[in-house]
Structure formats: C-alpha cells, structure tokens
Protein backbone atom coordinates (compact mmCIF):
# COMPACT_ATOMS: atom_id res chain seq x y z
CA UNK A 1 12.37 -11.20 3.54
CA UNK A 2 15.97 -10.01 3.92
CA UNK A 3 16.50 -10.19 0.16
CA UNK A 4 13.51 -7.93 -0.47
CA UNK A 5 14.73 -5.36 2.03
CA UNK A 6 18.22 -5.27 0.56
CA UNK A 7 16.94 -5.25 -3.04
CA UNK A 8 15.14 -1.96 -2.45
CA UNK A 9 18.47 -0.15 -2.33
CA UNK A 10 19.45 -1.42 -5.78
CA UNK A 11 16.38 -0.26 -7.71
CA UNK A 12 17.58 3.32 -8.25
CA UNK A 13 21.13 2.39 -9.33
CA UNK A 14 19.62 -0.14 -11.75
CA UNK A 15 17.45 2.60 -13.28
CA UNK A 16 20.55 4.81 -13.60
CA UNK A 17 22.43 1.97 -15.26
CA UNK A 18 19.64 1.37 -17.78
CA UNK A 19 19.42 5.11 -18.45
CA UNK A 20 23.16 5.34 -19.05
CA UNK A 21 23.08 2.38 -21.43
CA UNK A 22 20.22 3.94 -23.37
CA UNK A 23 21.95 7.30 -23.60
CA UNK A 24 25.18 5.70 -24.79
CA UNK A 25 23.26 3.97 -27.57
CA UNK A 26 21.67 7.29 -28.54
CA UNK A 27 18.15 6.70 -27.28
CA UNK A 28 16.46 9.71 -25.68
CA UNK A 29 14.54 7.35 -23.37
CA UNK A 30 17.62 7.29 -21.14
CA UNK A 31 16.62 10.64 -19.66
CA UNK A 32 13.28 9.14 -18.63
CA UNK A 33 15.11 6.30 -16.85
CA UNK A 34 17.35 8.81 -15.06
CA UNK A 35 14.27 10.75 -13.91
CA UNK A 36 12.60 7.56 -12.72
CA UNK A 37 15.78 6.57 -10.90
CA UNK A 38 15.85 9.93 -9.14
CA UNK A 39 12.25 9.60 -8.01
CA UNK A 40 12.83 6.03 -6.82
CA UNK A 41 15.98 7.13 -4.95
CA UNK A 42 14.01 9.81 -3.10
CA UNK A 43 11.22 7.38 -2.21
CA UNK A 44 13.74 4.75 -1.09
CA UNK A 45 15.54 7.28 1.11
CA UNK A 46 12.25 8.29 2.73
CA UNK A 47 11.26 4.69 3.39
CA UNK A 48 14.65 3.74 4.83
CA UNK A 49 14.77 6.84 7.04
CA UNK A 50 11.22 6.17 8.24
CA UNK A 51 12.16 2.59 9.14
CA UNK A 52 15.24 3.82 11.00
CA UNK A 53 13.17 6.40 12.88
CA UNK A 54 10.63 3.79 13.94
CA UNK A 55 13.38 1.43 15.11
CA UNK A 56 15.11 4.17 17.12
CA UNK A 57 11.90 5.18 18.86
CA UNK A 58 11.04 1.59 19.72
C-alpha cells in the first residue's frame, strides 16, 4: 500500500522523461508525453492536496 502511494508522485516525472527522450531522438510524440505528464501532475497534485485536507480535518 505504501509503495502505491509513493509511486503516484513519480508518474508525471516519468512521462516527462519519456517525452524528453522522444524529443531528443526527433520524434514529435514527445510533445504528447509532455502534455500527458502535465495533466497527470495536475491530477496528482489535486489528489495529494485532497488527502492532506481530509487528514487535517480529521
């Protein structure tokens, strides 16, 4: 359970890393990975802040 919670924070940087590797190789799909990483980062931030809010109010 702890691994799953901590792995959530590494999804967006992984998408950025894949996007960077694709852009370095010349593939235009890297921009799609950067966009997906941005969306995942926003969702992750919302989930983590929601969890923190619930824990503070408990």
